[in-house]
C-alpha atoms as a PDB file:
ATOM      1  CA  MET A   1     -26.084 -21.157  55.867  1.00  0.00           C
ATOM      2  CA  ALA A   2     -25.268 -17.539  56.004  1.00  0.00           C
ATOM      3  CA  THR A   3     -26.409 -15.646  58.980  1.00  0.00           C
ATOM      4  CA  SER A   4     -27.813 -12.179  58.852  1.00  0.00           C
ATOM      5  CA  ASP A   5     -24.588 -10.860  60.426  1.00  0.00           C
ATOM      6  CA  SER A   6     -22.434 -12.283  57.618  1.00  0.00           C
ATOM      7  CA  LEU A   7     -24.708 -10.726  54.984  1.00  0.00           C
ATOM      8  CA  ARG A   8     -24.257  -7.325  56.544  1.00  0.00           C
ATOM      9  CA  GLN A   9     -20.475  -7.624  56.055  1.00  0.00           C
ATOM     10  CA  LEU A  10     -20.733  -8.076  52.258  1.00  0.00           C
ATOM     11  CA  PRO A  11     -20.249  -4.864  50.328  1.00  0.00           C
ATOM     12  CA  VAL A  12     -23.319  -3.546  48.606  1.00  0.00           C
ATOM     13  CA  HIS A  13     -21.315  -2.672  45.507  1.00  0.00           C
ATOM     14  CA  ASN A  14     -17.737  -2.935  44.346  1.00  0.00           C
ATOM     15  CA  PRO A  15     -16.460   0.578  43.588  1.00  0.00           C
ATOM     16  CA  LYS A  16     -13.823  -0.827  41.195  1.00  0.00           C
ATOM     17  CA  THR A  17     -16.408  -2.344  38.866  1.00  0.00           C
ATOM     18  CA  LEU A  18     -19.249   0.106  39.288  1.00  0.00           C
ATOM     19  CA  VAL A  19     -19.934   2.197  36.200  1.00  0.00           C
ATOM     20  CA  THR A  20     -21.424   5.501  37.124  1.00  0.00           C
ATOM     21  CA  ARG A  21     -23.166   7.910  34.801  1.00  0.00           C
ATOM     22  CA  ARG A  22     -20.035  10.068  34.938  1.00  0.00           C
ATOM     23  CA  HIS A  23     -17.841   7.174  33.752  1.00  0.00           C
ATOM     24  CA  TRP A  24     -20.294   6.219  31.051  1.00  0.00           C
ATOM     25  CA  LEU A  25     -20.565   9.803  29.732  1.00  0.00           C
ATOM     26  CA  ALA A  26     -16.772  10.222  29.801  1.00  0.00           C
ATOM     27  CA  GLY A  27     -16.420   7.023  27.758  1.00  0.00           C
ATOM     28  CA  LEU A  28     -19.064   8.199  25.318  1.00  0.00           C
ATOM     29  CA  ALA A  29     -17.306  11.545  24.909  1.00  0.00           C
ATOM     30  CA  SER A  30     -14.008   9.741  24.247  1.00  0.00           C
ATOM     31  CA  CYS A  31     -15.630   7.577  21.590  1.00  0.00           C
ATOM     32  CA  THR A  32     -17.153  10.641  19.947  1.00  0.00           C
ATOM     33  CA  ALA A  33     -13.760  12.367  19.850  1.00  0.00           C
ATOM     34  CA  LEU A  34     -12.176   9.227  18.387  1.00  0.00           C
ATOM     35  CA  LEU A  35     -14.856   8.998  15.701  1.00  0.00           C
ATOM     36  CA  ARG A  36     -14.202  12.615  14.730  1.00  0.00           C
ATOM     37  CA  TRP A  37     -10.428  12.046  14.574  1.00  0.00           C
ATOM     38  CA  ALA A  38     -10.486   8.750  12.622  1.00  0.00           C
ATOM     39  CA  PRO A  39     -11.935  10.176   9.366  1.00  0.00           C
ATOM     40  CA  ALA A  40      -9.434  13.047   9.477  1.00  0.00           C
ATOM     41  CA  ALA A  41      -6.567  10.565   9.807  1.00  0.00           C
ATOM     42  CA  ALA A  42      -7.998   8.458   6.982  1.00  0.00           C
ATOM     43  CA  GLN A  43      -8.338  11.555   4.767  1.00  0.00           C
ATOM     44  CA  ALA A  44      -4.727  12.541   5.475  1.00  0.00           C
ATOM     45  CA  ALA A  45      -3.548   9.025   4.605  1.00  0.00           C
ATOM     46  CA  SER A  46      -5.638   9.116   1.421  1.00  0.00           C
ATOM     47  CA  ARG A  47      -4.153  12.494   0.436  1.00  0.00           C
ATOM     48  CA  GLU A  48      -0.649  11.168   1.075  1.00  0.00           C
ATOM     49  CA  LEU A  49      -1.347   8.071  -1.046  1.00  0.00           C
ATOM     50  CA  THR A  50      -2.791  10.242  -3.829  1.00  0.00           C
ATOM     51  CA  ALA A  51       0.339  12.439  -3.754  1.00  0.00           C
ATOM     52  CA  PHE A  52       2.581   9.357  -3.813  1.00  0.00           C
ATOM     53  CA  LEU A  53       0.686   7.876  -6.767  1.00  0.00           C
ATOM     54  CA  ALA A  54       0.879  11.201  -8.620  1.00  0.00           C
ATOM     55  CA  LEU A  55       4.632  11.363  -8.031  1.00  0.00           C
ATOM     56  CA  SER A  56       4.981   7.712  -9.071  1.00  0.00           C
ATOM     57  CA  ALA A  57       2.978   8.353 -12.251  1.00  0.00           C
ATOM     58  CA  ALA A  58       5.211  11.306 -13.117  1.00  0.00           C
ATOM     59  CA  LEU A  59       8.358   9.266 -12.470  1.00  0.00           C
ATOM     60  CA  THR A  60       7.290   6.082 -14.275  1.00  0.00           C
ATOM     61  CA  GLY A  61       5.228   7.608 -17.060  1.00  0.00           C
ATOM     62  CA  ARG A  62       2.371   5.234 -16.159  1.00  0.00           C
ATOM     63  CA  THR A  63      -0.930   6.679 -14.982  1.00  0.00           C
ATOM     64  CA  ALA A  64      -2.867   3.493 -14.142  1.00  0.00           C
ATOM     65  CA  LEU A  65      -0.944   2.472 -11.031  1.00  0.00           C
ATOM     66  CA  ASP A  66      -2.565   0.064  -8.584  1.00  0.00           C
ATOM     67  CA  ARG A  67      -3.685   1.858  -5.382  1.00  0.00           C
ATOM     68  CA  LYS A  68      -3.242  -1.213  -3.205  1.00  0.00           C
ATOM     69  CA  ALA A  69       0.305  -1.779  -4.442  1.00  0.00           C
ATOM     70  CA  GLY A  70       0.944   1.959  -4.108  1.00  0.00           C
ATOM     71  CA  ALA A  71      -0.216   1.936  -0.487  1.00  0.00           C
ATOM     72  CA  ARG A  72       2.113  -0.960   0.286  1.00  0.00           C
ATOM     73  CA  LEU A  73       5.048   0.685  -1.529  1.00  0.00           C
ATOM     74  CA  LEU A  74       4.366   3.961   0.298  1.00  0.00           C
ATOM     75  CA  GLN A  75       4.484   2.131   3.630  1.00  0.00           C
ATOM     76  CA  LEU A  76       7.729   0.336   2.702  1.00  0.00           C
ATOM     77  CA  THR A  77       9.315   3.538   1.370  1.00  0.00           C
ATOM     78  CA  ARG A  78       8.445   5.336   4.609  1.00  0.00           C
ATOM     79  CA  ARG A  79      10.077   2.536   6.579  1.00  0.00           C
ATOM     80  CA  ARG A  80      13.184   2.672   4.392  1.00  0.00           C
ATOM     81  CA  VAL A  81      13.801   6.438   4.214  1.00  0.00           C
ATOM     82  CA  GLY A  82      11.892   7.855   7.172  1.00  0.00           C
ATOM     83  CA  GLU A  83       8.925  10.163   7.546  1.00  0.00           C
ATOM     84  CA  ASP A  84      10.846  13.433   7.002  1.00  0.00           C
ATOM     85  CA  ALA A  85      12.460  12.457   3.693  1.00  0.00           C
ATOM     86  CA  LEU A  86       9.183  11.049   2.385  1.00  0.00           C
ATOM     87  CA  SER A  87       7.235  14.165   3.421  1.00  0.00           C
ATOM     88  CA  ARG A  88       9.755  16.444   1.685  1.00  0.00           C
ATOM     89  CA  LEU A  89       9.554  14.323  -1.455  1.00  0.00           C
ATOM     90  CA  LEU A  90       5.754  14.462  -1.540  1.00  0.00           C
ATOM     91  CA  ARG A  91       5.465  18.152  -0.593  1.00  0.00           C
ATOM     92  CA  PHE A  92       7.939  19.422  -3.162  1.00  0.00           C
ATOM     93  CA  PRO A  93       7.646  17.251  -6.286  1.00  0.00           C
ATOM     94  CA  GLY A  94       9.998  18.169  -9.067  1.00  0.00           C
ATOM     95  CA  SER A  95      12.589  19.837  -6.812  1.00  0.00           C
ATOM     96  CA  ALA A  96      15.984  19.316  -8.317  1.00  0.00           C
ATOM     97  CA  GLY A  97      19.486  19.643  -6.980  1.00  0.00           C
ATOM     98  CA  GLU A  98      19.331  17.126  -4.160  1.00  0.00           C
ATOM     99  CA  PRO A  99      21.374  14.001  -4.963  1.00  0.00           C
ATOM    100  CA  ALA A 100      19.590  11.973  -2.281  1.00  0.00           C
ATOM    101  CA  ARG A 101      16.253  12.960  -3.790  1.00  0.00           C
ATOM    102  CA  GLY A 102      17.323  11.715  -7.216  1.00  0.00           C
ATOM    103  CA  LEU A 103      18.407   8.404  -5.706  1.00  0.00           C
ATOM    104  CA  LEU A 104      15.082   8.053  -3.920  1.00  0.00           C
ATOM    105  CA  GLU A 105      13.140   8.854  -7.087  1.00  0.00           C
ATOM    106  CA  ASN A 106      15.173   6.281  -9.035  1.00  0.00           C
ATOM    107  CA  GLN A 107      14.506   3.723  -6.299  1.00  0.00           C
ATOM    108  CA  ILE A 108      10.754   4.364  -6.493  1.00  0.00           C
ATOM    109  CA  VAL A 109      10.835   3.772 -10.268  1.00  0.00           C
ATOM    110  CA  ALA A 110      12.844   0.570  -9.791  1.00  0.00           C
ATOM    111  CA  ASP A 111      10.403  -0.578  -7.108  1.00  0.00           C
ATOM    112  CA  TRP A 112       7.376  -0.069  -9.376  1.00  0.00           C
ATOM    113  CA  TYR A 113       9.024  -1.870 -12.292  1.00  0.00           C
ATOM    114  CA  SER A 114      10.275  -4.820 -10.204  1.00  0.00           C
ATOM    115  CA  GLY A 115       7.350  -5.116  -7.780  1.00  0.00           C
ATOM    116  CA  ALA A 116       9.893  -5.462  -4.967  1.00  0.00           C
ATOM    117  CA  THR A 117      11.893  -3.210  -2.650  1.00  0.00           C
ATOM    118  CA  MET A 118      14.415  -3.391   0.147  1.00  0.00           C
ATOM    119  CA  ALA A 119      13.047  -2.702   3.608  1.00  0.00           C
ATOM    120  CA  GLY A 120      14.673  -3.502   6.918  1.00  0.00           C
ATOM    121  CA  GLY A 121      17.607  -5.183   5.181  1.00  0.00           C
ATOM    122  CA  SER A 122      15.334  -7.679   3.416  1.00  0.00           C
ATOM    123  CA  LEU A 123      13.814  -7.909  -0.017  1.00  0.00           C
ATOM    124  CA  VAL A 124      10.050  -7.358   0.206  1.00  0.00           C
ATOM    125  CA  ILE A 125       7.923  -8.321  -2.784  1.00  0.00           C
ATOM    126  CA  PHE A 126       4.824  -6.130  -2.784  1.00  0.00           C
ATOM    127  CA  ASP A 127       3.312  -6.702  -6.266  1.00  0.00           C
ATOM    128  CA  PRO A 128       4.960  -9.558  -8.189  1.00  0.00           C
ATOM    129  CA  ALA A 129       2.329 -10.002 -10.902  1.00  0.00           C
ATOM    130  CA  GLY A 130       1.496  -6.302 -11.251  1.00  0.00           C
ATOM    131  CA  ALA A 131       5.068  -5.025 -11.625  1.00  0.00           C
ATOM    132  CA  LEU A 132       5.438  -2.612 -14.524  1.00  0.00           C
ATOM    133  CA  MET A 133       8.164  -4.744 -16.113  1.00  0.00           C
ATOM    134  CA  TRP A 134       5.467  -7.156 -17.331  1.00  0.00           C
ATOM    135  CA  GLN A 135       3.959  -4.345 -19.414  1.00  0.00           C
ATOM    136  CA  ALA A 136       7.368  -3.561 -20.878  1.00  0.00           C
ATOM    137  CA  LEU A 137       8.136  -7.253 -21.515  1.00  0.00           C
ATOM    138  CA  ASP A 138       4.939  -8.112 -23.375  1.00  0.00           C
ATOM    139  CA  PHE A 139       6.433 -11.328 -24.777  1.00  0.00           C
ATOM    140  CA  THR A 140       6.496 -13.015 -21.369  1.00  0.00           C
ATOM    141  CA  LYS A 141       4.462 -13.193 -18.175  1.00  0.00           C
ATOM    142  CA  PRO A 142       5.022 -13.424 -14.426  1.00  0.00           C
ATOM    143  CA  ALA A 143       5.727 -16.840 -12.963  1.00  0.00           C
ATOM    144  CA  GLY A 144       2.527 -18.544 -11.891  1.00  0.00           C
ATOM    145  CA  VAL A 145       0.304 -16.556 -14.252  1.00  0.00           C
ATOM    146  CA  CYS A 146      -1.392 -18.547 -16.974  1.00  0.00           C
ATOM    147  CA  GLY A 147      -0.331 -17.628 -20.501  1.00  0.00           C
ATOM    148  CA  GLY A 148      -3.291 -19.153 -22.297  1.00  0.00           C
ATOM    149  CA  SER A 149      -5.365 -22.300 -22.562  1.00  0.00           C
ATOM    150  CA  THR A 150      -4.032 -25.637 -21.338  1.00  0.00           C
ATOM    151  CA  GLY A 151      -1.083 -26.730 -23.444  1.00  0.00           C
ATOM    152  CA  HIS A 152      -0.757 -23.391 -25.253  1.00  0.00           C
ATOM    153  CA  TRP A 153       3.004 -23.670 -25.014  1.00  0.00           C
ATOM    154  CA  SER A 154       3.115 -26.985 -26.943  1.00  0.00           C
ATOM    155  CA  ALA A 155       2.081 -25.465 -30.298  1.00  0.00           C
ATOM    156  CA  PRO A 156       4.876 -24.187 -32.521  1.00  0.00           C
ATOM    157  CA  PRO A 157       5.238 -20.417 -32.689  1.00  0.00           C
ATOM    158  CA  LEU A 158       3.319 -18.651 -35.420  1.00  0.00           C
ATOM    159  CA  THR A 159       5.403 -18.040 -38.514  1.00  0.00           C
ATOM    160  CA  PRO A 160       4.566 -15.496 -41.162  1.00  0.00           C
ATOM    161  CA  THR A 161       2.994 -16.875 -44.354  1.00  0.00           C
ATOM    162  CA  GLU A 162       4.210 -15.994 -47.833  1.00  0.00           C
ATOM    163  CA  ASP A 163       1.327 -13.534 -48.137  1.00  0.00           C
ATOM    164  CA  ASP A 164       2.381 -11.825 -44.900  1.00  0.00           C
ATOM    165  CA  LYS A 165       5.970 -11.506 -46.094  1.00  0.00           C
ATOM    166  CA  HIS A 166       4.942  -9.662 -49.274  1.00  0.00           C
ATOM    167  CA  ALA A 167       2.147  -7.579 -47.797  1.00  0.00           C
ATOM    168  CA  GLU A 168       2.655  -3.879 -47.511  1.00  0.00           C
ATOM    169  CA  PRO A 169       2.776  -2.500 -43.973  1.00  0.00           C
ATOM    170  CA  ALA A 170      -0.502  -1.014 -42.833  1.00  0.00           C
END
Protein backbone atom coordinates (compact mmCIF):
# COMPACT_ATOMS: atom_id res chain seq x y z
CA MET A 1 0.00 0.00 0.00
CA ALA A 2 1.12 3.45 -0.80
CA THR A 3 1.64 5.77 2.05
CA SER A 4 0.67 9.38 2.01
CA ASP A 5 4.36 10.34 1.79
CA SER A 6 4.86 8.34 -1.42
CA LEU A 7 1.80 9.96 -3.00
CA ARG A 8 3.22 13.39 -2.34
CA GLN A 9 6.32 12.47 -4.38
CA LEU A 10 4.33 11.70 -7.56
CA PRO A 11 4.18 14.60 -9.98
CA VAL A 12 0.80 16.20 -10.37
CA HIS A 13 1.25 16.45 -14.12
CA ASN A 14 3.87 15.53 -16.68
CA PRO A 15 4.99 18.72 -18.45
CA LYS A 16 6.10 16.70 -21.51
CA THR A 17 2.61 15.39 -22.21
CA LEU A 18 0.52 18.27 -20.97
CA VAL A 19 -1.30 20.14 -23.73
CA THR A 20 -1.89 23.70 -22.77
CA ARG A 21 -4.26 26.12 -24.43
CA ARG A 22 -1.22 27.77 -26.02
CA HIS A 23 -0.09 24.48 -27.58
CA TRP A 24 -3.58 23.65 -28.75
CA LEU A 25 -4.08 27.09 -30.35
CA ALA A 26 -0.65 26.93 -32.02
CA GLY A 27 -1.57 23.53 -33.49
CA LEU A 28 -4.91 24.86 -34.67
CA ALA A 29 -3.22 27.84 -36.32
CA SER A 30 -0.77 25.50 -38.07
CA CYS A 31 -3.62 23.37 -39.38
CA THR A 32 -5.43 26.46 -40.64
CA ALA A 33 -2.30 27.62 -42.48
CA LEU A 34 -1.86 24.15 -43.98
CA LEU A 35 -5.47 24.08 -45.16
CA ARG A 36 -5.00 27.44 -46.86
CA TRP A 37 -1.78 26.29 -48.56
CA ALA A 38 -3.03 22.87 -49.76
CA PRO A 39 -5.65 24.18 -52.23
CA ALA A 40 -3.12 26.63 -53.67
CA ALA A 41 -0.66 23.78 -54.25
CA ALA A 42 -3.41 21.66 -55.80
CA GLN A 43 -4.43 24.54 -58.09
CA ALA A 44 -0.81 25.03 -59.19
CA ALA A 45 -0.50 21.31 -59.94
CA SER A 46 -3.78 21.41 -61.86
CA ARG A 47 -2.60 24.41 -63.90
CA GLU A 48 0.67 22.63 -64.66
CA LEU A 49 -1.20 19.49 -65.76
CA THR A 50 -3.54 21.58 -67.93
CA ALA A 51 -0.53 23.27 -69.57
CA PHE A 52 1.14 19.88 -70.13
CA LEU A 53 -2.02 18.44 -71.68
CA ALA A 54 -2.38 21.50 -73.92
CA LEU A 55 1.23 21.14 -75.07
CA SER A 56 0.72 17.39 -75.58
CA ALA A 57 -2.43 18.03 -77.62
CA ALA A 58 -0.57 20.50 -79.82
CA LEU A 59 2.32 18.08 -80.31
CA THR A 60 0.25 14.94 -80.95
CA GLY A 61 -2.70 16.49 -82.75
CA ARG A 62 -5.04 14.68 -80.33
CA THR A 63 -7.29 16.72 -78.07
CA ALA A 64 -8.93 13.96 -75.98
CA LEU A 65 -5.91 12.96 -73.91
CA ASP A 66 -6.46 11.08 -70.66
CA ARG A 67 -5.83 13.32 -67.61
CA LYS A 68 -4.73 10.44 -65.40
CA ALA A 69 -2.20 9.22 -67.97
CA GLY A 70 -1.14 12.83 -68.53
CA ALA A 71 -0.52 13.33 -64.81
CA ARG A 72 1.62 10.20 -64.70
CA LEU A 73 3.55 11.20 -67.84
CA LEU A 74 4.08 14.70 -66.43
CA GLN A 75 5.53 13.20 -63.25
CA LEU A 76 7.82 10.85 -65.22
CA THR A 77 8.92 13.63 -67.59
CA ARG A 78 9.79 15.84 -64.61
CA ARG A 79 11.86 13.03 -63.15
CA ARG A 80 13.64 12.47 -66.47
CA VAL A 81 14.45 16.07 -67.48
CA GLY A 82 14.24 18.04 -64.24
CA GLU A 83 12.00 20.80 -62.97
CA ASP A 84 13.76 23.66 -64.80
CA ALA A 85 13.59 22.14 -68.28
CA LEU A 86 9.96 21.13 -67.79
CA SER A 87 9.00 24.59 -66.50
CA ARG A 88 10.66 26.28 -69.50
CA LEU A 89 8.86 23.93 -71.86
CA LEU A 90 5.46 24.64 -70.29
CA ARG A 91 5.98 28.40 -69.90
CA PHE A 92 7.13 29.02 -73.46
CA PRO A 93 5.25 26.64 -75.76
CA GLY A 94 6.15 26.91 -79.39
CA SER A 95 9.63 28.37 -78.79
CA ALA A 96 11.90 27.19 -81.53
CA GLY A 97 15.64 27.10 -81.92
CA GLU A 98 16.55 24.92 -78.97
CA PRO A 99 17.70 21.46 -80.09
CA ALA A 100 17.15 20.00 -76.62
CA ARG A 101 13.60 21.33 -76.65
CA GLY A 102 12.88 19.62 -79.96
CA LEU A 103 14.21 16.34 -78.59
CA LEU A 104 12.05 16.68 -75.49
CA GLU A 105 8.96 17.46 -77.57
CA ASN A 106 9.64 14.43 -79.79
CA GLN A 107 10.05 12.28 -76.68
CA ILE A 108 6.70 13.46 -75.31
CA VAL A 109 5.00 12.51 -78.59
CA ALA A 110 6.69 9.09 -78.56
CA ASP A 111 5.64 8.60 -74.93
CA TRP A 112 1.98 9.35 -75.70
CA TYR A 113 1.95 7.04 -78.72
CA SER A 114 3.73 4.15 -76.96
CA GLY A 115 2.21 4.54 -73.49
CA ALA A 116 5.71 4.08 -72.06
CA THR A 117 8.74 6.21 -71.23
CA MET A 118 12.23 5.91 -69.83
CA ALA A 119 12.66 7.13 -66.27
CA GLY A 120 15.52 6.41 -63.93
CA GLY A 121 17.17 4.14 -66.49
CA SER A 122 14.13 1.87 -66.67
CA LEU A 123 11.20 1.54 -69.01
CA VAL A 124 8.02 2.69 -67.25
CA ILE A 125 4.68 1.78 -68.82
CA PHE A 126 2.14 4.41 -67.80
CA ASP A 127 -0.83 3.74 -70.13
CA PRO A 128 -0.51 0.50 -72.12
CA ALA A 129 -4.12 0.20 -73.30
CA GLY A 130 -4.67 3.94 -73.82
CA ALA A 131 -1.55 4.61 -75.91
CA LEU A 132 -2.32 6.65 -79.01
CA MET A 133 -0.82 3.98 -81.28
CA TRP A 134 -3.99 1.90 -80.81
CA GLN A 135 -6.01 4.70 -82.43
CA ALA A 136 -3.58 4.81 -85.34
CA LEU A 137 -3.54 1.00 -85.67
CA ASP A 138 -7.30 0.46 -85.78
CA PHE A 139 -6.91 -3.06 -87.18
CA THR A 140 -5.46 -4.40 -83.93
CA LYS A 141 -5.83 -3.96 -80.18
CA PRO A 142 -3.65 -3.91 -77.07
CA ALA A 143 -2.69 -7.24 -75.56
CA GLY A 144 -5.19 -8.32 -72.94
CA VAL A 145 -8.05 -6.25 -74.37
CA CYS A 146 -10.97 -8.21 -75.73
CA GLY A 147 -11.55 -7.81 -79.46
CA GLY A 148 -15.13 -9.03 -79.51
CA SER A 149 -17.38 -11.83 -78.35
CA THR A 150 -15.96 -15.20 -77.34
CA GLY A 151 -14.41 -16.93 -80.33
CA HIS A 152 -14.63 -13.87 -82.59
CA TRP A 153 -11.21 -14.70 -83.98
CA SER A 154 -12.30 -18.16 -85.22
CA ALA A 155 -14.60 -16.83 -87.98
CA PRO A 156 -13.01 -16.21 -91.37
CA PRO A 157 -12.42 -12.58 -92.26
CA LEU A 158 -15.19 -10.81 -94.11
CA THR A 159 -14.69 -10.82 -97.86
CA PRO A 160 -16.40 -8.45 -100.23
CA THR A 161 -19.37 -9.87 -102.15
CA GLU A 162 -19.79 -9.53 -105.91
CA ASP A 163 -22.25 -6.69 -105.29
CA ASP A 164 -19.69 -4.86 -103.15
CA LYS A 165 -17.02 -5.21 -105.83
CA HIS A 166 -19.20 -3.55 -108.48
CA ALA A 167 -20.81 -0.93 -106.27
CA GLU A 168 -19.89 2.66 -106.81
CA PRO A 169 -18.04 4.34 -103.95
CA ALA A 170 -20.29 6.41 -101.73
